[in-house]
Amino acid sequence: MSVSKTNMEANKPKSKEEFVHGVFESIAPKYDLMNDILSFNRHKAWRKYAMKKMNVQPGDTAIDLCCGTCDWTISMAKASRTGKMVGLDFSQNMLDHGAIKVREERLEGQIELIQGNAMSLPFDDNTFDFATIGFALRNVPDLEQVIREMQRVVKPGGLVVSLELSKPTWQPFKSIYYLYFRRILPFLGKLIVKKYEQYKWLPESLISFPDHKQLGAIFEKNGLNDVQAHPLFGGVAALHTGTKGKTKSGV
């Protein structure tokens, strides 16, 4: 019995990159609502804290990797006032929803949205003052490659910033957190946006992801200086920052 090439391709296991792309393409319309519900609206406070630590100045430029629906991109644009901002994501559906927000804020002249790959950024070395990635580093095929790319495109003295879910360290809270994340979160995804498998995958994506200390060490391993790790909300999330060195190699 012969099998057509189309059927064979359909039956091939998807790569992580293909699977993640499919997840975010499908959940884009309800992405903001689910973020509010699943983080108990804390993601906004975490991003505000990140902005305080970054201290974006008028005229600063930034690239926001895996920008999703552009909340962080917009926050940086407002803080910078005039500096060029780039929001990059591989999901066109996410970018389309983000573009609506950008237009509503009248920031089209300051923010450029690009469909692209965080593993290979389409920009020259030493282009931006900041490179950020929010709640997406655990989803990429090679997080060290993404960190290296972020470091490459920031200027010497520029900041690489990751805001990401993490692993609580206090045992009683840790147990409750994993119960919520593994059992309740997928159920809410099914109930609210009719997406069970997509939200079942999200807690699985965190299992093999480094904790905040390990991720800080990875920042340092890849040449970033003055690396700081800030656990948030009992370790549920963490902010990491690292500075690109002054030398040509960035170390």
Protein backbone atom coordinates (compact mmCIF):
# COMPACT_ATOMS: atom_id res chain seq x y z
CA MET A 1 0.00 0.00 0.00
CA SER A 2 1.45 3.35 -0.98
CA VAL A 3 1.19 6.46 1.15
CA SER A 4 1.07 9.86 -0.48
CA LYS A 5 3.76 12.41 0.34
CA THR A 6 1.07 14.73 1.74
CA ASN A 7 -0.17 12.08 4.16
CA MET A 8 3.37 11.20 5.21
CA GLU A 9 4.13 14.85 5.94
CA ALA A 10 0.88 15.20 7.91
CA ASN A 11 1.81 12.21 10.06
CA LYS A 12 5.35 13.40 10.81
CA PRO A 13 5.90 14.48 14.41
CA LYS A 14 5.97 18.25 14.68
CA SER A 15 9.11 19.97 15.86
CA LYS A 16 8.89 22.08 19.01
CA GLU A 17 9.05 25.20 16.88
CA GLU A 18 6.17 24.07 14.66
CA PHE A 19 4.08 23.02 17.63
CA VAL A 20 4.62 26.27 19.53
CA HIS A 21 3.82 28.26 16.40
CA GLY A 22 0.53 26.40 16.06
CA VAL A 23 -0.30 26.98 19.72
CA PHE A 24 0.12 30.74 19.55
CA GLU A 25 -1.57 31.10 16.19
CA SER A 26 -4.64 29.39 17.65
CA ILE A 27 -4.81 31.18 21.03
CA ALA A 28 -4.05 34.70 19.74
CA PRO A 29 -7.65 36.03 19.92
CA LYS A 30 -7.95 35.19 23.64
CA TYR A 31 -4.28 35.55 24.60
CA ASP A 32 -4.67 38.74 26.66
CA LEU A 33 -7.76 37.48 28.48
CA MET A 34 -6.08 34.21 29.41
CA ASN A 35 -2.95 36.01 30.62
CA ASP A 36 -5.10 38.10 32.95
CA ILE A 37 -6.94 35.09 34.31
CA LEU A 38 -4.07 32.63 34.59
CA SER A 39 -1.64 35.06 36.27
CA PHE A 40 -4.36 36.62 38.46
CA ASN A 41 -3.53 39.82 36.55
CA ARG A 42 -0.01 39.80 38.02
CA HIS A 43 1.73 39.86 34.62
CA LYS A 44 1.02 43.58 34.36
CA ALA A 45 2.68 44.29 37.71
CA TRP A 46 5.66 42.12 36.74
CA ARG A 47 6.10 44.03 33.49
CA LYS A 48 5.82 47.33 35.37
CA TYR A 49 8.55 46.13 37.72
CA ALA A 50 10.71 45.17 34.72
CA MET A 51 10.25 48.64 33.25
CA LYS A 52 11.34 50.24 36.53
CA LYS A 53 14.52 48.15 36.57
CA MET A 54 15.25 48.88 32.90
CA ASN A 55 14.87 52.66 33.34
CA VAL A 56 14.23 53.35 29.65
CA GLN A 57 15.28 56.88 28.74
CA PRO A 58 13.91 59.23 26.06
CA GLY A 59 15.33 58.23 22.68
CA ASP A 60 16.30 54.68 23.70
CA THR A 61 15.69 51.92 21.16
CA ALA A 62 14.61 48.33 21.74
CA ILE A 63 13.68 45.05 20.14
CA ASP A 64 10.98 43.01 21.87
CA LEU A 65 11.33 39.35 20.92
CA CYS A 66 8.25 37.11 20.84
CA CYS A 67 6.32 40.32 21.41
CA GLY A 68 2.90 38.66 21.20
CA THR A 69 0.20 41.30 21.34
CA CYS A 70 2.75 44.04 22.00
CA ASP A 71 2.02 45.18 25.57
CA TRP A 72 5.71 45.39 26.49
CA THR A 73 6.63 46.90 23.13
CA ILE A 74 4.10 49.66 23.70
CA SER A 75 5.29 50.30 27.27
CA MET A 76 8.87 50.78 26.06
CA ALA A 77 7.76 53.04 23.22
CA LYS A 78 5.91 55.28 25.65
CA ALA A 79 8.90 55.45 28.00
CA SER A 80 11.29 56.19 25.14
CA ARG A 81 8.93 58.71 23.48
CA THR A 82 10.96 58.95 20.29
CA GLY A 83 13.21 55.88 20.09
CA LYS A 84 12.59 53.21 17.46
CA MET A 85 10.91 50.04 18.77
CA VAL A 86 10.72 46.71 17.00
CA GLY A 87 8.26 44.01 17.99
CA LEU A 88 9.19 40.62 16.54
CA ASP A 89 7.11 37.44 16.67
CA PHE A 90 6.80 34.33 14.55
CA SER A 91 2.98 34.29 14.90
CA GLN A 92 1.28 36.59 12.42
CA ASN A 93 -2.00 36.25 14.30
CA MET A 94 -0.36 37.61 17.45
CA LEU A 95 1.18 40.48 15.51
CA ASP A 96 -2.18 41.31 13.92
CA HIS A 97 -3.76 41.65 17.35
CA GLY A 98 -0.77 43.67 18.55
CA ALA A 99 -1.03 45.99 15.56
CA ILE A 100 -4.53 46.96 16.64
CA LYS A 101 -3.16 48.09 20.03
CA VAL A 102 -0.32 49.98 18.37
CA ARG A 103 -2.79 51.86 16.18
CA GLU A 104 -5.05 52.62 19.15
CA GLU A 105 -2.05 54.15 20.94
CA ARG A 106 -1.08 56.04 17.76
CA LEU A 107 2.43 54.60 17.86
CA GLU A 108 2.66 53.33 14.27
CA GLY A 109 5.43 55.83 13.53
CA GLN A 110 7.54 54.58 16.42
CA ILE A 111 6.84 50.83 16.49
CA GLU A 112 7.67 48.44 13.67
CA LEU A 113 6.19 44.92 13.83
CA ILE A 114 8.07 42.12 12.10
CA GLN A 115 7.29 38.45 11.63
CA GLY A 116 10.59 36.73 12.36
CA ASN A 117 12.58 34.13 14.23
CA ALA A 118 14.10 34.93 17.63
CA MET A 119 16.88 32.43 16.87
CA SER A 120 18.13 34.53 13.96
CA LEU A 121 17.38 38.22 14.23
CA PRO A 122 17.36 40.25 10.99
CA PHE A 123 19.42 43.11 12.43
CA ASP A 124 23.07 44.15 12.53
CA ASP A 125 25.25 43.90 15.62
CA ASN A 126 25.01 46.76 18.14
CA THR A 127 21.67 48.13 16.95
CA PHE A 128 19.48 48.52 20.06
CA ASP A 129 19.76 49.80 23.61
CA PHE A 130 17.53 46.96 24.90
CA ALA A 131 16.56 43.47 23.81
CA THR A 132 13.62 41.99 25.71
CA ILE A 133 11.70 38.72 25.73
CA GLY A 134 8.58 38.23 27.84
CA PHE A 135 7.10 34.86 28.80
CA ALA A 136 8.58 33.16 25.75
CA LEU A 137 12.16 32.08 26.47
CA ARG A 138 10.93 28.67 27.66
CA ASN A 139 9.19 28.16 24.31
CA VAL A 140 12.15 28.59 21.95
CA PRO A 141 14.08 25.62 20.52
CA ASP A 142 17.45 26.84 21.90
CA LEU A 143 17.32 29.45 24.66
CA GLU A 144 21.10 30.00 24.64
CA GLN A 145 21.01 30.84 20.93
CA VAL A 146 18.25 33.38 21.59
CA ILE A 147 20.25 34.95 24.43
CA ARG A 148 23.31 35.17 22.15
CA GLU A 149 21.23 36.84 19.45
CA MET A 150 19.81 39.31 21.95
CA GLN A 151 23.32 40.12 23.13
CA ARG A 152 24.55 40.49 19.57
CA VAL A 153 21.99 43.09 18.54
CA VAL A 154 22.26 45.32 21.63
CA LYS A 155 24.90 48.02 21.77
CA PRO A 156 27.89 47.74 24.13
CA GLY A 157 26.48 48.66 27.52
CA GLY A 158 22.99 47.67 26.35
CA LEU A 159 20.65 45.46 28.36
CA VAL A 160 19.32 41.97 27.65
CA VAL A 161 16.10 41.38 29.60
CA SER A 162 13.98 38.27 30.16
CA LEU A 163 10.69 38.21 32.06
CA GLU A 164 9.57 34.61 32.39
CA LEU A 165 7.64 32.11 34.43
CA SER A 166 9.85 30.30 36.91
CA LYS A 167 9.76 27.69 39.65
CA PRO A 168 8.74 28.52 43.24
CA THR A 169 11.27 27.42 45.86
CA TRP A 170 9.12 27.51 49.03
CA GLN A 171 7.77 23.96 49.32
CA PRO A 172 4.15 24.52 50.51
CA PHE A 173 3.58 27.19 47.85
CA LYS A 174 5.42 25.09 45.26
CA SER A 175 2.99 22.19 45.69
CA ILE A 176 -0.06 24.44 45.36
CA TYR A 177 1.45 26.16 42.33
CA TYR A 178 2.13 22.95 40.44
CA LEU A 179 -1.37 21.66 41.23
CA TYR A 180 -2.83 24.84 39.75
CA PHE A 181 -0.50 24.90 36.78
CA ARG A 182 -0.90 21.24 35.82
CA ARG A 183 -4.56 20.61 36.68
CA ILE A 184 -6.56 23.81 36.87
CA LEU A 185 -4.87 25.87 34.14
CA PRO A 186 -5.64 23.43 31.28
CA PHE A 187 -9.23 23.15 32.51
CA LEU A 188 -9.60 26.95 32.42
CA GLY A 189 -8.17 26.97 28.91
CA LYS A 190 -10.79 24.47 27.82
CA LEU A 191 -13.60 26.27 29.62
CA ILE A 192 -12.81 29.81 28.50
CA VAL A 193 -11.25 29.52 25.05
CA LYS A 194 -12.01 25.89 24.14
CA LYS A 195 -8.29 25.08 24.01
CA TYR A 196 -7.33 22.22 26.31
CA GLU A 197 -4.23 20.73 24.67
CA GLN A 198 -2.65 24.15 24.13
CA TYR A 199 -2.93 25.06 27.82
CA LYS A 200 -1.99 21.56 28.91
CA TRP A 201 1.27 22.09 27.05
CA LEU A 202 2.14 25.35 28.86
CA PRO A 203 2.92 23.73 32.24
CA GLU A 204 4.84 21.01 30.45
CA SER A 205 7.03 23.69 28.87
CA LEU A 206 8.18 24.76 32.34
CA ILE A 207 9.27 21.33 33.59
CA SER A 208 12.66 21.30 31.86
CA PHE A 209 13.15 25.08 31.96
CA PRO A 210 15.94 26.32 34.28
CA ASP A 211 15.04 27.96 37.59
CA HIS A 212 15.99 31.59 38.20
CA LYS A 213 19.48 30.77 39.49
CA GLN A 214 20.24 28.42 36.61
CA LEU A 215 19.00 30.93 34.04
CA GLY A 216 21.18 33.62 35.61
CA ALA A 217 24.16 31.31 35.19
CA ILE A 218 23.24 30.79 31.53
CA PHE A 219 23.20 34.57 31.01
CA GLU A 220 26.72 34.74 32.45
CA LYS A 221 27.91 31.73 30.46
CA ASN A 222 26.92 33.51 27.26
CA GLY A 223 29.01 36.59 28.04
CA LEU A 224 26.62 38.96 29.76
CA ASN A 225 27.91 41.08 32.64
CA ASP A 226 26.31 42.30 35.87
CA VAL A 227 23.63 39.60 35.61
CA GLN A 228 20.76 40.07 38.03
CA ALA A 229 17.93 37.64 38.79
CA HIS A 230 14.81 38.85 40.58
CA PRO A 231 12.28 36.18 41.64
CA LEU A 232 8.72 37.53 41.63
CA PHE A 233 5.57 36.49 43.50
CA GLY A 234 7.22 33.68 45.43
CA GLY A 235 9.26 32.56 42.44
CA VAL A 236 6.29 32.07 40.10
CA ALA A 237 8.06 34.42 37.68
CA ALA A 238 11.54 35.92 37.43
CA LEU A 239 13.14 38.95 35.85
CA HIS A 240 16.68 38.52 34.49
CA THR A 241 18.89 41.32 33.20
CA GLY A 242 22.41 41.24 31.79
CA THR A 243 24.62 43.95 30.32
CA LYS A 244 26.61 43.63 27.13
CA GLY A 245 30.31 44.34 27.70
CA LYS A 246 32.15 47.28 26.24
CA THR A 247 34.50 45.21 24.09
CA LYS A 248 33.84 44.26 20.49
CA SER A 249 33.10 40.67 21.43
CA GLY A 250 30.68 41.77 24.13
CA VAL A 251 32.42 39.87 26.93
